[in-house]
PDB file of all heavy atoms in Angstrom:
ATOM      1  N   ARG A   1       0.829  -1.205   0.000  1.00  0.00           N
ATOM      2  CA  ARG A   1       0.000   0.000   0.000  1.00  0.00           C
ATOM      3  C   ARG A   1       0.869   1.264   0.000  1.00  0.00           C
ATOM      4  O   ARG A   1       0.606   2.206  -0.748  1.00  0.00           O
ATOM      5  CB  ARG A   1      -0.904  -0.032   1.218  1.00  0.00           C
ATOM      6  CG  ARG A   1      -1.899   1.077   1.261  1.00  0.00           C
ATOM      7  CD  ARG A   1      -2.864   0.867   2.405  1.00  0.00           C
ATOM      8  NE  ARG A   1      -3.682   2.023   2.607  1.00  0.00           N
ATOM      9  CZ  ARG A   1      -4.323   2.297   3.703  1.00  0.00           C
ATOM     10  NH1 ARG A   1      -4.256   1.492   4.727  1.00  0.00           N
ATOM     11  NH2 ARG A   1      -5.061   3.377   3.794  1.00  0.00           N
ATOM     12  N   LEU A   2       1.915   1.273   0.817  1.00  0.00           N
ATOM     13  CA  LEU A   2       2.825   2.411   0.858  1.00  0.00           C
ATOM     14  C   LEU A   2       3.584   2.551  -0.454  1.00  0.00           C
ATOM     15  O   LEU A   2       3.749   3.646  -0.980  1.00  0.00           O
ATOM     16  CB  LEU A   2       3.813   2.285   2.018  1.00  0.00           C
ATOM     17  CG  LEU A   2       4.871   3.380   2.123  1.00  0.00           C
ATOM     18  CD1 LEU A   2       4.229   4.748   2.276  1.00  0.00           C
ATOM     19  CD2 LEU A   2       5.818   3.087   3.258  1.00  0.00           C
ATOM     20  N   ARG A   3       4.020   1.441  -1.008  1.00  0.00           N
ATOM     21  CA  ARG A   3       4.743   1.454  -2.283  1.00  0.00           C
ATOM     22  C   ARG A   3       3.876   2.081  -3.373  1.00  0.00           C
ATOM     23  O   ARG A   3       4.319   2.941  -4.118  1.00  0.00           O
ATOM     24  CB  ARG A   3       5.140   0.032  -2.659  1.00  0.00           C
ATOM     25  CG  ARG A   3       5.995  -0.068  -3.914  1.00  0.00           C
ATOM     26  CD  ARG A   3       6.308  -1.516  -4.309  1.00  0.00           C
ATOM     27  NE  ARG A   3       6.610  -2.391  -3.201  1.00  0.00           N
ATOM     28  CZ  ARG A   3       7.828  -2.565  -2.665  1.00  0.00           C
ATOM     29  NH1 ARG A   3       8.846  -1.906  -3.155  1.00  0.00           N
ATOM     30  NH2 ARG A   3       8.017  -3.386  -1.656  1.00  0.00           N
ATOM     31  N   ARG A   4       2.612   1.668  -3.446  1.00  0.00           N
ATOM     32  CA  ARG A   4       1.723   2.219  -4.472  1.00  0.00           C
ATOM     33  C   ARG A   4       1.449   3.709  -4.244  1.00  0.00           C
ATOM     34  O   ARG A   4       1.361   4.474  -5.191  1.00  0.00           O
ATOM     35  CB  ARG A   4       0.419   1.435  -4.522  1.00  0.00           C
ATOM     36  CG  ARG A   4       0.609   0.108  -5.240  1.00  0.00           C
ATOM     37  CD  ARG A   4      -0.686  -0.556  -5.503  1.00  0.00           C
ATOM     38  NE  ARG A   4      -0.884  -1.561  -4.468  1.00  0.00           N
ATOM     39  CZ  ARG A   4      -2.032  -2.130  -4.175  1.00  0.00           C
ATOM     40  NH1 ARG A   4      -3.117  -1.794  -4.816  1.00  0.00           N
ATOM     41  NH2 ARG A   4      -2.119  -3.026  -3.243  1.00  0.00           N
ATOM     42  N   ALA A   5       1.328   4.102  -2.968  1.00  0.00           N
ATOM     43  CA  ALA A   5       1.102   5.518  -2.659  1.00  0.00           C
ATOM     44  C   ALA A   5       2.302   6.365  -3.086  1.00  0.00           C
ATOM     45  O   ALA A   5       2.131   7.466  -3.617  1.00  0.00           O
ATOM     46  CB  ALA A   5       0.833   5.696  -1.175  1.00  0.00           C
ATOM     47  N   LEU A   6       3.497   5.851  -2.886  1.00  0.00           N
ATOM     48  CA  LEU A   6       4.693   6.588  -3.298  1.00  0.00           C
ATOM     49  C   LEU A   6       4.796   6.683  -4.817  1.00  0.00           C
ATOM     50  O   LEU A   6       5.174   7.723  -5.353  1.00  0.00           O
ATOM     51  CB  LEU A   6       5.942   5.945  -2.701  1.00  0.00           C
ATOM     52  CG  LEU A   6       6.092   6.123  -1.186  1.00  0.00           C
ATOM     53  CD1 LEU A   6       7.249   5.274  -0.664  1.00  0.00           C
ATOM     54  CD2 LEU A   6       6.275   7.577  -0.827  1.00  0.00           C
ATOM     55  N   TYR A   7       4.428   5.617  -5.505  1.00  0.00           N
ATOM     56  CA  TYR A   7       4.423   5.675  -6.967  1.00  0.00           C
ATOM     57  C   TYR A   7       3.369   6.667  -7.465  1.00  0.00           C
ATOM     58  O   TYR A   7       3.597   7.396  -8.431  1.00  0.00           O
ATOM     59  CB  TYR A   7       4.169   4.298  -7.576  1.00  0.00           C
ATOM     60  CG  TYR A   7       5.376   3.407  -7.605  1.00  0.00           C
ATOM     61  CD1 TYR A   7       5.313   2.102  -7.134  1.00  0.00           C
ATOM     62  CD2 TYR A   7       6.589   3.859  -8.122  1.00  0.00           C
ATOM     63  CE1 TYR A   7       6.421   1.272  -7.168  1.00  0.00           C
ATOM     64  CE2 TYR A   7       7.704   3.033  -8.157  1.00  0.00           C
ATOM     65  CZ  TYR A   7       7.614   1.739  -7.676  1.00  0.00           C
ATOM     66  OH  TYR A   7       8.709   0.925  -7.714  1.00  0.00           O
ATOM     67  N   ALA A   8       2.217   6.706  -6.804  1.00  0.00           N
ATOM     68  CA  ALA A   8       1.172   7.658  -7.188  1.00  0.00           C
ATOM     69  C   ALA A   8       1.672   9.091  -7.001  1.00  0.00           C
ATOM     70  O   ALA A   8       1.456   9.949  -7.872  1.00  0.00           O
ATOM     71  CB  ALA A   8      -0.091   7.422  -6.357  1.00  0.00           C
ATOM     72  N   LEU A   9       2.339   9.337  -5.899  1.00  0.00           N
ATOM     73  CA  LEU A   9       2.899  10.657  -5.645  1.00  0.00           C
ATOM     74  C   LEU A   9       3.947  11.023  -6.700  1.00  0.00           C
ATOM     75  O   LEU A   9       3.956  12.138  -7.229  1.00  0.00           O
ATOM     76  CB  LEU A   9       3.516  10.701  -4.244  1.00  0.00           C
ATOM     77  CG  LEU A   9       4.090  12.033  -3.788  1.00  0.00           C
ATOM     78  CD1 LEU A   9       2.997  13.089  -3.706  1.00  0.00           C
ATOM     79  CD2 LEU A   9       4.770  11.849  -2.438  1.00  0.00           C
ATOM     80  N   ALA A  10       4.801  10.068  -7.039  1.00  0.00           N
ATOM     81  CA  ALA A  10       5.822  10.310  -8.069  1.00  0.00           C
ATOM     82  C   ALA A  10       5.166  10.604  -9.417  1.00  0.00           C
ATOM     83  O   ALA A  10       5.644  11.462 -10.169  1.00  0.00           O
ATOM     84  CB  ALA A  10       6.760   9.111  -8.172  1.00  0.00           C
ATOM     85  N   ALA A  11       4.073   9.921  -9.722  1.00  0.00           N
ATOM     86  CA  ALA A  11       3.364  10.162 -10.987  1.00  0.00           C
ATOM     87  C   ALA A  11       2.807  11.572 -11.028  1.00  0.00           C
ATOM     88  O   ALA A  11       2.935  12.273 -12.042  1.00  0.00           O
ATOM     89  CB  ALA A  11       2.240   9.137 -11.160  1.00  0.00           C
ATOM     90  N   GLU A  12       2.195  12.011  -9.932  1.00  0.00           N
ATOM     91  CA  GLU A  12       1.637  13.361  -9.869  1.00  0.00           C
ATOM     92  C   GLU A  12       2.728  14.417 -10.035  1.00  0.00           C
ATOM     93  O   GLU A  12       2.573  15.372 -10.792  1.00  0.00           O
ATOM     94  CB  GLU A  12       0.915  13.579  -8.537  1.00  0.00           C
ATOM     95  CG  GLU A  12      -0.286  12.684  -8.333  1.00  0.00           C
ATOM     96  CD  GLU A  12      -1.571  13.227  -8.896  1.00  0.00           C
ATOM     97  OE1 GLU A  12      -1.553  14.242  -9.626  1.00  0.00           O
ATOM     98  OE2 GLU A  12      -2.612  12.618  -8.615  1.00  0.00           O
ATOM     99  N   TYR A  13       3.830  14.237  -9.323  1.00  0.00           N
ATOM    100  CA  TYR A  13       4.917  15.222  -9.400  1.00  0.00           C
ATOM    101  C   TYR A  13       5.588  15.212 -10.776  1.00  0.00           C
ATOM    102  O   TYR A  13       5.961  16.263 -11.297  1.00  0.00           O
ATOM    103  CB  TYR A  13       5.953  14.987  -8.296  1.00  0.00           C
ATOM    104  CG  TYR A  13       5.566  15.650  -7.011  1.00  0.00           C
ATOM    105  CD1 TYR A  13       5.037  14.916  -5.960  1.00  0.00           C
ATOM    106  CD2 TYR A  13       5.694  17.029  -6.847  1.00  0.00           C
ATOM    107  CE1 TYR A  13       4.662  15.527  -4.780  1.00  0.00           C
ATOM    108  CE2 TYR A  13       5.320  17.647  -5.669  1.00  0.00           C
ATOM    109  CZ  TYR A  13       4.807  16.888  -4.633  1.00  0.00           C
ATOM    110  OH  TYR A  13       4.430  17.499  -3.472  1.00  0.00           O
ATOM    111  N   SER A  14       5.744  14.052 -11.372  1.00  0.00           N
ATOM    112  CA  SER A  14       6.342  13.979 -12.713  1.00  0.00           C
ATOM    113  C   SER A  14       5.465  14.683 -13.740  1.00  0.00           C
ATOM    114  O   SER A  14       5.971  15.354 -14.640  1.00  0.00           O
ATOM    115  CB  SER A  14       6.556  12.527 -13.130  1.00  0.00           C
ATOM    116  OG  SER A  14       7.491  11.907 -12.299  1.00  0.00           O
ATOM    117  N   THR A  15       4.159  14.534 -13.594  1.00  0.00           N
ATOM    118  CA  THR A  15       3.235  15.218 -14.498  1.00  0.00           C
ATOM    119  C   THR A  15       3.353  16.730 -14.335  1.00  0.00           C
ATOM    120  O   THR A  15       3.423  17.471 -15.321  1.00  0.00           O
ATOM    121  CB  THR A  15       1.784  14.766 -14.234  1.00  0.00           C
ATOM    122  OG1 THR A  15       1.702  13.361 -14.416  1.00  0.00           O
ATOM    123  CG2 THR A  15       0.815  15.453 -15.168  1.00  0.00           C
ATOM    124  N   SER A  16       3.403  17.190 -13.092  1.00  0.00           N
ATOM    125  CA  SER A  16       3.573  18.625 -12.838  1.00  0.00           C
ATOM    126  C   SER A  16       4.900  19.133 -13.391  1.00  0.00           C
ATOM    127  O   SER A  16       4.974  20.222 -13.965  1.00  0.00           O
ATOM    128  CB  SER A  16       3.491  18.919 -11.337  1.00  0.00           C
ATOM    129  OG  SER A  16       2.208  18.625 -10.854  1.00  0.00           O
ATOM    130  N   ALA A  17       5.943  18.336 -13.216  1.00  0.00           N
ATOM    131  CA  ALA A  17       7.263  18.724 -13.732  1.00  0.00           C
ATOM    132  C   ALA A  17       7.237  18.816 -15.254  1.00  0.00           C
ATOM    133  O   ALA A  17       7.855  19.707 -15.838  1.00  0.00           O
ATOM    134  CB  ALA A  17       8.322  17.723 -13.277  1.00  0.00           C
ATOM    135  N   ALA A  18       6.506  17.909 -15.892  1.00  0.00           N
ATOM    136  CA  ALA A  18       6.411  17.949 -17.359  1.00  0.00           C
ATOM    137  C   ALA A  18       5.750  19.242 -17.813  1.00  0.00           C
ATOM    138  O   ALA A  18       6.229  19.902 -18.744  1.00  0.00           O
ATOM    139  CB  ALA A  18       5.628  16.743 -17.868  1.00  0.00           C
ATOM    140  N   TRP A  19       4.637  19.608 -17.172  1.00  0.00           N
ATOM    141  CA  TRP A  19       3.964  20.854 -17.547  1.00  0.00           C
ATOM    142  C   TRP A  19       4.879  22.054 -17.317  1.00  0.00           C
ATOM    143  O   TRP A  19       4.902  22.992 -18.109  1.00  0.00           O
ATOM    144  CB  TRP A  19       2.649  21.016 -16.788  1.00  0.00           C
ATOM    145  CG  TRP A  19       1.564  20.163 -17.343  1.00  0.00           C
ATOM    146  CD1 TRP A  19       1.006  19.064 -16.769  1.00  0.00           C
ATOM    147  CD2 TRP A  19       0.904  20.319 -18.604  1.00  0.00           C
ATOM    148  NE1 TRP A  19       0.044  18.530 -17.593  1.00  0.00           N
ATOM    149  CE2 TRP A  19      -0.042  19.279 -18.715  1.00  0.00           C
ATOM    150  CE3 TRP A  19       1.027  21.232 -19.640  1.00  0.00           C
ATOM    151  CZ2 TRP A  19      -0.855  19.138 -19.831  1.00  0.00           C
ATOM    152  CZ3 TRP A  19       0.206  21.083 -20.761  1.00  0.00           C
ATOM    153  CH2 TRP A  19      -0.722  20.050 -20.844  1.00  0.00           C
ATOM    154  N   SER A  20       5.629  22.023 -16.226  1.00  0.00           N
ATOM    155  CA  SER A  20       6.563  23.112 -15.947  1.00  0.00           C
ATOM    156  C   SER A  20       7.616  23.227 -17.046  1.00  0.00           C
ATOM    157  O   SER A  20       7.953  24.316 -17.498  1.00  0.00           O
ATOM    158  CB  SER A  20       7.237  22.865 -14.595  1.00  0.00           C
ATOM    159  OG  SER A  20       8.250  23.802 -14.366  1.00  0.00           O
ATOM    160  N   ARG A  21       8.130  22.106 -17.487  1.00  0.00           N
ATOM    161  CA  ARG A  21       9.135  22.091 -18.554  1.00  0.00           C
ATOM    162  C   ARG A  21       8.526  22.534 -19.876  1.00  0.00           C
ATOM    163  O   ARG A  21       9.191  23.179 -20.682  1.00  0.00           O
ATOM    164  CB  ARG A  21       9.776  20.706 -18.698  1.00  0.00           C
ATOM    165  CG  ARG A  21      10.575  20.244 -17.483  1.00  0.00           C
ATOM    166  CD  ARG A  21      11.846  21.045 -17.223  1.00  0.00           C
ATOM    167  NE  ARG A  21      11.551  22.286 -16.528  1.00  0.00           N
ATOM    168  CZ  ARG A  21      12.249  23.413 -16.606  1.00  0.00           C
ATOM    169  NH1 ARG A  21      13.316  23.494 -17.340  1.00  0.00           N
ATOM    170  NH2 ARG A  21      11.903  24.488 -15.940  1.00  0.00           N
ATOM    171  N   ILE A  22       7.269  22.172 -20.131  1.00  0.00           N
ATOM    172  CA  ILE A  22       6.596  22.637 -21.350  1.00  0.00           C
ATOM    173  C   ILE A  22       6.489  24.155 -21.318  1.00  0.00           C
ATOM    174  O   ILE A  22       6.788  24.835 -22.299  1.00  0.00           O
ATOM    175  CB  ILE A  22       5.211  21.977 -21.505  1.00  0.00           C
ATOM    176  CG1 ILE A  22       5.370  20.498 -21.858  1.00  0.00           C
ATOM    177  CG2 ILE A  22       4.390  22.697 -22.581  1.00  0.00           C
ATOM    178  CD1 ILE A  22       4.076  19.714 -21.798  1.00  0.00           C
ATOM    179  N   ASP A  23       6.057  24.691 -20.170  1.00  0.00           N
ATOM    180  CA  ASP A  23       5.941  26.146 -20.029  1.00  0.00           C
ATOM    181  C   ASP A  23       7.279  26.838 -20.253  1.00  0.00           C
ATOM    182  O   ASP A  23       7.330  27.936 -20.808  1.00  0.00           O
ATOM    183  CB  ASP A  23       5.398  26.520 -18.652  1.00  0.00           C
ATOM    184  CG  ASP A  23       3.922  26.207 -18.504  1.00  0.00           C
ATOM    185  OD1 ASP A  23       3.252  25.989 -19.532  1.00  0.00           O
ATOM    186  OD2 ASP A  23       3.445  26.165 -17.357  1.00  0.00           O
ATOM    187  N   ALA A  24       8.365  26.186 -19.822  1.00  0.00           N
ATOM    188  CA  ALA A  24       9.705  26.766 -19.974  1.00  0.00           C
ATOM    189  C   ALA A  24      10.297  26.469 -21.353  1.00  0.00           C
ATOM    190  O   ALA A  24      11.406  26.890 -21.654  1.00  0.00           O
ATOM    191  CB  ALA A  24      10.638  26.213 -18.899  1.00  0.00           C
ATOM    192  N   ARG A  25       9.529  25.762 -22.176  1.00  0.00           N
ATOM    193  CA  ARG A  25       9.945  25.366 -23.524  1.00  0.00           C
ATOM    194  C   ARG A  25      11.210  24.505 -23.519  1.00  0.00           C
ATOM    195  O   ARG A  25      12.009  24.548 -24.432  1.00  0.00           O
ATOM    196  CB  ARG A  25      10.118  26.574 -24.425  1.00  0.00           C
ATOM    197  CG  ARG A  25       8.823  27.338 -24.627  1.00  0.00           C
ATOM    198  CD  ARG A  25       8.803  28.022 -25.959  1.00  0.00           C
ATOM    199  NE  ARG A  25       7.599  28.814 -26.093  1.00  0.00           N
ATOM    200  CZ  ARG A  25       6.542  28.411 -26.797  1.00  0.00           C
ATOM    201  NH1 ARG A  25       6.544  27.268 -27.391  1.00  0.00           N
ATOM    202  NH2 ARG A  25       5.501  29.187 -26.898  1.00  0.00           N
ATOM    203  N   ASN A  26      11.365  23.720 -22.468  1.00  0.00           N
ATOM    204  CA  ASN A  26      12.431  22.742 -22.400  1.00  0.00           C
ATOM    205  C   ASN A  26      11.797  21.401 -22.776  1.00  0.00           C
ATOM    206  O   ASN A  26      11.442  20.591 -21.925  1.00  0.00           O
ATOM    207  CB  ASN A  26      13.042  22.702 -20.988  1.00  0.00           C
ATOM    208  CG  ASN A  26      14.283  21.867 -20.941  1.00  0.00           C
ATOM    209  OD1 ASN A  26      14.431  20.926 -21.709  1.00  0.00           O
ATOM    210  ND2 ASN A  26      15.172  22.202 -20.030  1.00  0.00           N
ATOM    211  N   LEU A  27      11.629  21.202 -24.060  1.00  0.00           N
ATOM    212  CA  LEU A  27      10.786  20.130 -24.567  1.00  0.00           C
ATOM    213  C   LEU A  27      11.367  18.738 -24.358  1.00  0.00           C
ATOM    214  O   LEU A  27      10.618  17.784 -24.118  1.00  0.00           O
ATOM    215  CB  LEU A  27      10.488  20.384 -26.042  1.00  0.00           C
ATOM    216  CG  LEU A  27       9.921  21.781 -26.345  1.00  0.00           C
ATOM    217  CD1 LEU A  27       9.610  21.930 -27.811  1.00  0.00           C
ATOM    218  CD2 LEU A  27       8.703  22.083 -25.483  1.00  0.00           C
ATOM    219  N   ASP A  28      12.675  18.600 -24.429  1.00  0.00           N
ATOM    220  CA  ASP A  28      13.263  17.279 -24.215  1.00  0.00           C
ATOM    221  C   ASP A  28      13.069  16.818 -22.774  1.00  0.00           C
ATOM    222  O   ASP A  28      12.719  15.658 -22.526  1.00  0.00           O
ATOM    223  CB  ASP A  28      14.748  17.269 -24.585  1.00  0.00           C
ATOM    224  CG  ASP A  28      14.969  17.445 -26.084  1.00  0.00           C
ATOM    225  OD1 ASP A  28      14.063  17.076 -26.863  1.00  0.00           O
ATOM    226  OD2 ASP A  28      16.034  17.953 -26.465  1.00  0.00           O
ATOM    227  N   GLN A  29      13.281  17.721 -21.822  1.00  0.00           N
ATOM    228  CA  GLN A  29      13.056  17.368 -20.419  1.00  0.00           C
ATOM    229  C   GLN A  29      11.574  17.093 -20.164  1.00  0.00           C
ATOM    230  O   GLN A  29      11.236  16.201 -19.395  1.00  0.00           O
ATOM    231  CB  GLN A  29      13.537  18.475 -19.488  1.00  0.00           C
ATOM    232  CG  GLN A  29      14.961  18.319 -19.071  1.00  0.00           C
ATOM    233  CD  GLN A  29      15.304  19.287 -17.952  1.00  0.00           C
ATOM    234  OE1 GLN A  29      14.698  20.350 -17.812  1.00  0.00           O
ATOM    235  NE2 GLN A  29      16.288  18.920 -17.171  1.00  0.00           N
ATOM    236  N   ALA A  30      10.709  17.851 -20.793  1.00  0.00           N
ATOM    237  CA  ALA A  30       9.272  17.624 -20.639  1.00  0.00           C
ATOM    238  C   ALA A  30       8.913  16.212 -21.088  1.00  0.00           C
ATOM    239  O   ALA A  30       8.163  15.511 -20.400  1.00  0.00           O
ATOM    240  CB  ALA A  30       8.486  18.648 -21.437  1.00  0.00           C
ATOM    241  N   GLN A  31       9.463  15.783 -22.207  1.00  0.00           N
ATOM    242  CA  GLN A  31       9.173  14.437 -22.706  1.00  0.00           C
ATOM    243  C   GLN A  31       9.651  13.373 -21.722  1.00  0.00           C
ATOM    244  O   GLN A  31       8.957  12.392 -21.469  1.00  0.00           O
ATOM    245  CB  GLN A  31       9.837  14.227 -24.075  1.00  0.00           C
ATOM    246  CG  GLN A  31       9.451  12.919 -24.736  1.00  0.00           C
ATOM    247  CD  GLN A  31       7.978  12.884 -25.100  1.00  0.00           C
ATOM    248  OE1 GLN A  31       7.492  13.742 -25.808  1.00  0.00           O
ATOM    249  NE2 GLN A  31       7.265  11.899 -24.596  1.00  0.00           N
ATOM    250  N   ARG A  32      10.825  13.574 -21.136  1.00  0.00           N
ATOM    251  CA  ARG A  32      11.330  12.611 -20.147  1.00  0.00           C
ATOM    252  C   ARG A  32      10.403  12.538 -18.935  1.00  0.00           C
ATOM    253  O   ARG A  32      10.106  11.449 -18.434  1.00  0.00           O
ATOM    254  CB  ARG A  32      12.748  12.979 -19.713  1.00  0.00           C
ATOM    255  CG  ARG A  32      13.799  12.602 -20.750  1.00  0.00           C
ATOM    256  CD  ARG A  32      15.212  12.667 -20.205  1.00  0.00           C
ATOM    257  NE  ARG A  32      15.640  14.010 -19.836  1.00  0.00           N
ATOM    258  CZ  ARG A  32      16.114  14.913 -20.690  1.00  0.00           C
ATOM    259  NH1 ARG A  32      16.229  14.611 -21.970  1.00  0.00           N
ATOM    260  NH2 ARG A  32      16.478  16.100 -20.270  1.00  0.00           N
ATOM    261  N   HIS A  33       9.928  13.685 -18.472  1.00  0.00           N
ATOM    262  CA  HIS A  33       9.009  13.689 -17.331  1.00  0.00           C
ATOM    263  C   HIS A  33       7.685  13.000 -17.678  1.00  0.00           C
ATOM    264  O   HIS A  33       7.113  12.292 -16.842  1.00  0.00           O
ATOM    265  CB  HIS A  33       8.747  15.106 -16.840  1.00  0.00           C
ATOM    266  CG  HIS A  33       9.887  15.718 -16.107  1.00  0.00           C
ATOM    267  ND1 HIS A  33      10.467  15.162 -14.989  1.00  0.00           N
ATOM    268  CD2 HIS A  33      10.582  16.862 -16.333  1.00  0.00           C
ATOM    269  CE1 HIS A  33      11.443  15.919 -14.555  1.00  0.00           C
ATOM    270  NE2 HIS A  33      11.543  16.967 -15.363  1.00  0.00           N
TER     271      HIS A  33
END
């Protein structure tokens, strides 16, 4: 249960990081996120 919760948190943060990179026009990093 804890493992899945941590993965869910990582998914949420990675998605936010991708949008941040898109806004900054750092497209390669956005794709990795």
